[in-house]
Amino acid sequence: MKNIALIFPGQGAQKVGMGKELYDQSPEAKAVFEKANEVLGTDLTQVIFEGPEEKLMSSVFCQPAIFTMSMAALAAFRATDKFKGVTVKYTAGLSLGEYGALCAAGVISFEDSLKLLQQRSMFMDEAAKANPGKMAAVVGFDKDKLVSICAEAGCEVANFNAPDQIVITGRAEAVLKASQMITDGGCKKVIPLDVAGGFHSSLMRSAADKFAGVLSGVPIKCTDVHVVTNVNAMPQMSSDDIRINLAKQIYSSVQWVDSVKFIAAQGITDLVEIGPGRVLKGLIRKIDPALNVHNIQTPEDISGLSI
């Protein structure tokens, strides 16, 4: 049995039509989509498969949609002999993807994860409207210099996605100031992001506080599969720590680089990206090119999987 890690993408990986082949060809995947409709009391599947794109892009649909599609892909994978040949030792996810990681590990149920994401997206939207902010992606700039500039400009780091890709966040004027300072420092690629707010920054504190109250009532199990968290790039072994970190995650930096490095340090060489897109594969290629990253987003991906 080969030890592997399952990894799950975050917001931005969504696209209209994602998972339709899984729905059509895998009874297990279809059941996941239908369960999501039942839990949320809305036709999420129709929005995923038919759009419109603007509706799918909104956080209130986007977050549950990516999670549901990822869980459907995982259900299809688990139903095959391919899954019987591996042992899942670690899971991890990028921001929203952490909920896929928790659900896949059996830490939080599918139903509770969906309900949490529904609340999370609502609280984040409320915070974004009350405390407007911006985000920008910085490509090819020294990490230490960037952190120093952010501190000087009054903004924060949202994501350490790869050694050469870091996302900054905060109030619009602070992000603009930092972007200019970074450009003046020699960076040729600072990309403003089309997002509704300054996510993963202190502007989201109110959302985190509200979300902490919701998390207190959610059953959380500790299992043999270790979930590497965004907040500190380490597995959390107690339900209290998991609750604390899920609330902190909303306003803290996503430590994706260190999360991948931790998994690799445990002797894991194969990671399976479950869900829409291949964003994580691209990032991991820059973090540790020696790692093998496989993708599952269609039935063909499962049948062609070789680990």
Protein backbone atom coordinates (compact mmCIF):
# COMPACT_ATOMS: atom_id res chain seq x y z
CA MET A 1 0.00 0.00 0.00
CA LYS A 2 1.38 3.38 -1.00
CA ASN A 3 1.03 6.27 1.46
CA ILE A 4 -0.41 9.40 -0.15
CA ALA A 5 -1.80 12.82 0.70
CA LEU A 6 -5.05 14.25 -0.63
CA ILE A 7 -5.10 17.99 -1.38
CA PHE A 8 -8.03 20.25 -2.18
CA PRO A 9 -8.22 23.52 -4.16
CA GLY A 10 -9.63 26.82 -2.95
CA GLN A 11 -11.75 29.60 -4.35
CA GLY A 12 -10.89 30.55 -7.91
CA ALA A 13 -10.74 26.96 -9.20
CA GLN A 14 -14.45 26.91 -10.03
CA LYS A 15 -15.88 26.77 -13.55
CA VAL A 16 -19.37 26.24 -14.91
CA GLY A 17 -19.90 22.57 -15.76
CA MET A 18 -17.32 21.20 -13.34
CA GLY A 19 -18.13 17.68 -12.19
CA LYS A 20 -20.86 17.01 -14.77
CA GLU A 21 -19.07 13.94 -16.14
CA LEU A 22 -18.70 12.60 -12.61
CA TYR A 23 -22.40 13.18 -11.99
CA ASP A 24 -23.32 11.36 -15.21
CA GLN A 25 -20.95 8.41 -14.84
CA SER A 26 -20.50 7.79 -11.10
CA PRO A 27 -23.49 6.93 -8.87
CA GLU A 28 -21.36 7.79 -5.83
CA ALA A 29 -20.54 11.25 -7.19
CA LYS A 30 -24.16 11.85 -8.19
CA ALA A 31 -25.27 11.04 -4.65
CA VAL A 32 -22.90 13.70 -3.28
CA PHE A 33 -24.31 16.40 -5.58
CA GLU A 34 -27.88 15.45 -4.68
CA LYS A 35 -27.06 15.40 -0.97
CA ALA A 36 -25.67 18.94 -1.25
CA ASN A 37 -28.94 20.16 -2.77
CA GLU A 38 -30.83 18.54 0.09
CA VAL A 39 -28.60 19.96 2.83
CA LEU A 40 -28.57 23.52 1.45
CA GLY A 41 -32.22 23.56 0.38
CA THR A 42 -31.26 24.97 -3.02
CA ASP A 43 -30.38 23.59 -6.45
CA LEU A 44 -26.64 24.02 -6.09
CA THR A 45 -26.06 21.39 -8.77
CA GLN A 46 -27.90 23.45 -11.38
CA VAL A 47 -25.72 26.48 -10.60
CA ILE A 48 -22.57 24.33 -10.86
CA PHE A 49 -23.53 22.71 -14.15
CA GLU A 50 -25.38 25.56 -15.87
CA GLY A 51 -24.32 28.81 -14.19
CA PRO A 52 -24.60 31.63 -14.92
CA GLU A 53 -20.92 32.24 -14.23
CA GLU A 54 -21.64 35.39 -12.20
CA LYS A 55 -23.81 33.39 -9.82
CA LEU A 56 -21.25 30.60 -9.44
CA MET A 57 -18.52 33.19 -8.80
CA SER A 58 -20.32 34.66 -5.78
CA SER A 59 -18.93 33.35 -2.49
CA VAL A 60 -22.29 32.09 -1.28
CA PHE A 61 -22.38 29.60 -4.19
CA CYS A 62 -18.69 29.31 -5.03
CA GLN A 63 -17.50 27.95 -1.69
CA PRO A 64 -20.12 25.16 -1.34
CA ALA A 65 -19.80 24.42 -5.08
CA ILE A 66 -16.04 23.78 -5.07
CA PHE A 67 -16.33 21.74 -1.88
CA THR A 68 -19.20 19.65 -3.26
CA MET A 69 -17.47 18.99 -6.58
CA SER A 70 -14.31 17.94 -4.72
CA MET A 71 -16.23 15.57 -2.45
CA ALA A 72 -18.03 14.10 -5.47
CA ALA A 73 -14.67 13.46 -7.18
CA LEU A 74 -13.38 11.84 -3.99
CA ALA A 75 -16.49 9.64 -3.71
CA ALA A 76 -15.97 8.45 -7.27
CA PHE A 77 -12.30 7.72 -6.54
CA ARG A 78 -13.11 5.84 -3.32
CA ALA A 79 -15.51 3.56 -5.20
CA THR A 80 -12.73 2.19 -7.40
CA ASP A 81 -9.99 -0.41 -6.99
CA LYS A 82 -7.47 2.39 -7.49
CA PHE A 83 -8.30 3.73 -4.03
CA LYS A 84 -7.87 0.31 -2.42
CA GLY A 85 -4.21 0.38 -3.40
CA VAL A 86 -3.34 3.50 -1.40
CA THR A 87 -3.41 4.67 2.21
CA VAL A 88 -4.31 8.31 2.89
CA LYS A 89 -1.96 9.57 5.61
CA TYR A 90 -2.38 13.35 5.24
CA THR A 91 -4.86 15.80 3.81
CA ALA A 92 -4.55 19.54 3.22
CA GLY A 93 -6.41 22.24 1.34
CA LEU A 94 -5.85 25.80 0.20
CA SER A 95 -8.08 28.13 2.25
CA LEU A 96 -11.60 26.90 1.41
CA GLY A 97 -9.96 23.60 0.43
CA GLU A 98 -9.21 22.91 4.09
CA TYR A 99 -12.87 21.93 4.48
CA GLY A 100 -12.40 19.28 1.81
CA ALA A 101 -9.34 18.08 3.73
CA LEU A 102 -11.27 17.89 7.00
CA CYS A 103 -14.21 16.09 5.43
CA ALA A 104 -11.99 13.64 3.55
CA ALA A 105 -10.21 12.81 6.81
CA GLY A 106 -13.53 12.13 8.55
CA VAL A 107 -13.00 15.02 10.97
CA ILE A 108 -16.15 16.93 9.99
CA SER A 109 -19.15 15.39 8.22
CA PHE A 110 -20.13 16.36 4.69
CA GLU A 111 -23.37 17.89 5.91
CA ASP A 112 -21.71 19.95 8.65
CA SER A 113 -18.94 21.07 6.30
CA LEU A 114 -21.49 22.37 3.79
CA LYS A 115 -23.40 24.24 6.49
CA LEU A 116 -20.17 25.72 7.81
CA LEU A 117 -19.18 26.94 4.36
CA GLN A 118 -22.60 28.49 3.90
CA GLN A 119 -22.12 30.46 7.13
CA ARG A 120 -18.45 31.20 6.43
CA SER A 121 -19.19 32.74 3.03
CA MET A 122 -22.02 34.82 4.45
CA PHE A 123 -19.91 36.18 7.31
CA MET A 124 -17.01 36.94 4.96
CA ASP A 125 -19.30 38.82 2.58
CA GLU A 126 -20.70 40.84 5.50
CA ALA A 127 -17.19 41.70 6.72
CA ALA A 128 -16.09 42.65 3.20
CA LYS A 129 -18.97 45.11 2.88
CA ALA A 130 -18.38 46.58 6.34
CA ASN A 131 -14.59 46.79 5.90
CA PRO A 132 -13.77 47.10 2.18
CA GLY A 133 -10.43 45.75 1.06
CA LYS A 134 -8.37 44.55 -1.89
CA MET A 135 -5.92 41.79 -2.75
CA ALA A 136 -3.02 41.51 -5.20
CA ALA A 137 -0.78 38.66 -6.34
CA VAL A 138 2.96 39.28 -6.31
CA VAL A 139 5.05 37.07 -8.59
CA GLY A 140 8.83 36.78 -8.42
CA PHE A 141 9.75 38.94 -5.43
CA ASP A 142 11.81 38.23 -2.31
CA LYS A 143 9.62 36.97 0.53
CA ASP A 144 11.40 38.82 3.35
CA LYS A 145 11.37 42.11 1.44
CA LEU A 146 7.68 41.67 0.70
CA VAL A 147 6.79 41.02 4.34
CA SER A 148 8.77 44.11 5.36
CA ILE A 149 7.03 46.27 2.75
CA CYS A 150 3.61 45.01 3.84
CA ALA A 151 4.36 45.99 7.42
CA GLU A 152 5.48 49.45 6.32
CA ALA A 153 2.48 49.98 4.01
CA GLY A 154 -0.07 48.68 6.53
CA CYS A 155 -1.27 45.63 4.61
CA GLU A 156 -0.84 41.91 5.23
CA VAL A 157 0.09 38.63 3.52
CA ALA A 158 -2.94 36.54 2.58
CA ASN A 159 -1.28 33.52 0.96
CA PHE A 160 2.19 32.06 0.75
CA ASN A 161 1.22 30.03 -2.32
CA ALA A 162 4.65 29.26 -3.75
CA PRO A 163 8.20 30.56 -3.31
CA ASP A 164 7.60 33.05 -6.13
CA GLN A 165 3.87 33.66 -5.65
CA ILE A 166 2.54 35.56 -2.64
CA VAL A 167 -0.82 37.28 -2.27
CA ILE A 168 -1.14 40.52 -0.28
CA THR A 169 -4.35 41.79 1.31
CA GLY A 170 -5.86 44.59 3.36
CA ARG A 171 -7.40 48.03 2.92
CA ALA A 172 -7.34 49.24 -0.68
CA GLU A 173 -5.00 52.16 -0.05
CA ALA A 174 -2.54 49.94 1.85
CA VAL A 175 -2.51 47.28 -0.88
CA LEU A 176 -2.00 49.96 -3.55
CA LYS A 177 0.84 51.52 -1.57
CA ALA A 178 2.53 48.16 -1.04
CA SER A 179 2.03 47.23 -4.70
CA GLN A 180 3.79 50.42 -5.79
CA MET A 181 6.63 49.88 -3.31
CA ILE A 182 7.06 46.30 -4.53
CA THR A 183 7.08 47.45 -8.16
CA ASP A 184 9.62 50.15 -7.31
CA GLY A 185 11.68 47.44 -5.65
CA GLY A 186 12.08 45.64 -8.97
CA CYS A 187 9.10 43.30 -9.15
CA LYS A 188 7.70 43.12 -12.68
CA LYS A 189 4.43 41.34 -11.87
CA VAL A 190 1.95 42.67 -9.30
CA ILE A 191 -1.56 41.62 -10.30
CA PRO A 192 -4.66 43.19 -8.68
CA LEU A 193 -7.18 40.43 -7.97
CA ASP A 194 -10.87 40.65 -8.80
CA VAL A 195 -12.18 39.80 -5.34
CA ALA A 196 -14.92 41.21 -3.12
CA GLY A 197 -12.71 42.07 -0.14
CA GLY A 198 -9.45 41.87 1.75
CA PHE A 199 -9.70 38.22 2.69
CA HIS A 200 -7.20 36.55 5.03
CA SER A 201 -6.57 39.91 6.71
CA SER A 202 -7.56 41.60 9.96
CA LEU A 203 -10.50 43.12 8.05
CA MET A 204 -12.11 39.68 8.45
CA ARG A 205 -11.93 39.60 12.26
CA SER A 206 -15.66 40.18 12.65
CA ALA A 207 -16.38 37.23 10.35
CA ALA A 208 -14.02 35.03 12.37
CA ASP A 209 -15.67 36.01 15.65
CA LYS A 210 -19.13 35.12 14.33
CA PHE A 211 -17.84 31.91 12.79
CA ALA A 212 -16.23 30.82 16.06
CA GLY A 213 -19.69 30.81 17.61
CA VAL A 214 -20.99 28.52 14.87
CA LEU A 215 -17.99 26.19 15.15
CA SER A 216 -18.56 25.67 18.87
CA GLY A 217 -21.63 23.55 18.15
CA VAL A 218 -20.18 21.40 15.35
CA PRO A 219 -19.10 17.81 16.14
CA ILE A 220 -15.40 17.28 15.35
CA LYS A 221 -13.68 13.89 15.42
CA CYS A 222 -9.99 13.17 15.57
CA THR A 223 -8.99 10.41 13.13
CA ASP A 224 -5.90 8.57 11.97
CA VAL A 225 -5.64 10.85 8.93
CA HIS A 226 -3.78 14.04 9.81
CA VAL A 227 -5.09 17.34 8.43
CA VAL A 228 -2.33 19.89 7.85
CA THR A 229 -3.85 23.28 8.62
CA ASN A 230 -3.43 26.59 6.80
CA VAL A 231 -2.73 28.60 9.95
CA ASN A 232 0.46 26.87 11.07
CA ALA A 233 1.22 24.17 8.46
CA MET A 234 0.99 21.43 11.09
CA PRO A 235 -1.54 18.72 11.93
CA GLN A 236 -3.90 19.58 14.76
CA MET A 237 -4.69 16.74 17.12
CA SER A 238 -7.55 18.13 19.22
CA SER A 239 -11.06 19.25 18.31
CA ASP A 240 -10.55 22.53 20.20
CA ASP A 241 -7.43 23.36 18.17
CA ILE A 242 -9.25 22.57 14.93
CA ARG A 243 -12.09 24.94 15.86
CA ILE A 244 -9.69 27.69 16.86
CA ASN A 245 -7.68 27.39 13.65
CA LEU A 246 -10.74 27.32 11.38
CA ALA A 247 -11.81 30.66 12.84
CA LYS A 248 -8.26 32.08 12.70
CA GLN A 249 -7.88 30.90 9.11
CA ILE A 250 -10.37 33.56 7.97
CA TYR A 251 -8.01 36.42 8.93
CA SER A 252 -4.61 34.67 8.90
CA SER A 253 -2.04 33.96 6.20
CA VAL A 254 -2.44 30.66 4.33
CA GLN A 255 0.82 28.78 4.88
CA TRP A 256 0.61 26.61 1.77
CA VAL A 257 4.35 26.45 1.04
CA ASP A 258 5.14 25.21 4.54
CA SER A 259 2.17 22.81 4.47
CA VAL A 260 3.52 21.10 1.36
CA LYS A 261 7.03 21.03 2.81
CA PHE A 262 5.71 19.41 5.99
CA ILE A 263 3.91 16.67 4.05
CA ALA A 264 7.02 15.99 1.96
CA ALA A 265 9.14 15.80 5.13
CA GLN A 266 6.95 12.91 6.34
CA GLY A 267 8.10 10.82 3.39
CA ILE A 268 5.04 11.39 1.20
CA THR A 269 5.98 11.53 -2.48
CA ASP A 270 2.54 11.31 -4.13
CA LEU A 271 -0.25 13.85 -3.66
CA VAL A 272 -3.67 13.68 -5.32
CA GLU A 273 -5.38 16.99 -6.09
CA ILE A 274 -9.12 16.36 -5.75
CA GLY A 275 -11.45 18.89 -7.38
CA PRO A 276 -11.61 21.45 -10.16
CA GLY A 277 -8.49 22.77 -11.87
CA ARG A 278 -4.79 22.08 -11.52
CA VAL A 279 -3.76 25.15 -9.54
CA LEU A 280 -2.22 23.18 -6.67
CA LYS A 281 -0.17 21.03 -9.04
CA GLY A 282 1.33 24.17 -10.53
CA LEU A 283 2.16 25.61 -7.13
CA ILE A 284 3.69 22.38 -5.83
CA ARG A 285 5.89 22.12 -8.91
CA LYS A 286 7.51 25.36 -7.69
CA ILE A 287 7.62 24.31 -4.02
CA ASP A 288 9.11 20.84 -4.49
CA PRO A 289 9.55 19.56 -8.07
CA ALA A 290 10.37 16.07 -6.74
CA LEU A 291 6.76 15.53 -5.59
CA ASN A 292 4.32 13.69 -7.85
CA VAL A 293 0.95 15.47 -8.06
CA HIS A 294 -1.99 13.67 -9.65
CA ASN A 295 -5.34 15.30 -10.47
CA ILE A 296 -8.87 13.96 -10.18
CA GLN A 297 -11.67 16.01 -11.68
CA THR A 298 -13.14 13.62 -14.26
CA PRO A 299 -13.83 9.86 -14.50
CA GLU A 300 -10.99 9.66 -17.04
CA ASP A 301 -8.58 11.06 -14.46
CA ILE A 302 -9.48 8.20 -12.11
CA SER A 303 -9.18 5.48 -14.73
CA GLY A 304 -5.82 6.87 -15.87
CA LEU A 305 -4.44 7.32 -12.35
CA SER A 306 -1.13 5.56 -11.74
CA ILE A 307 0.45 5.77 -8.32
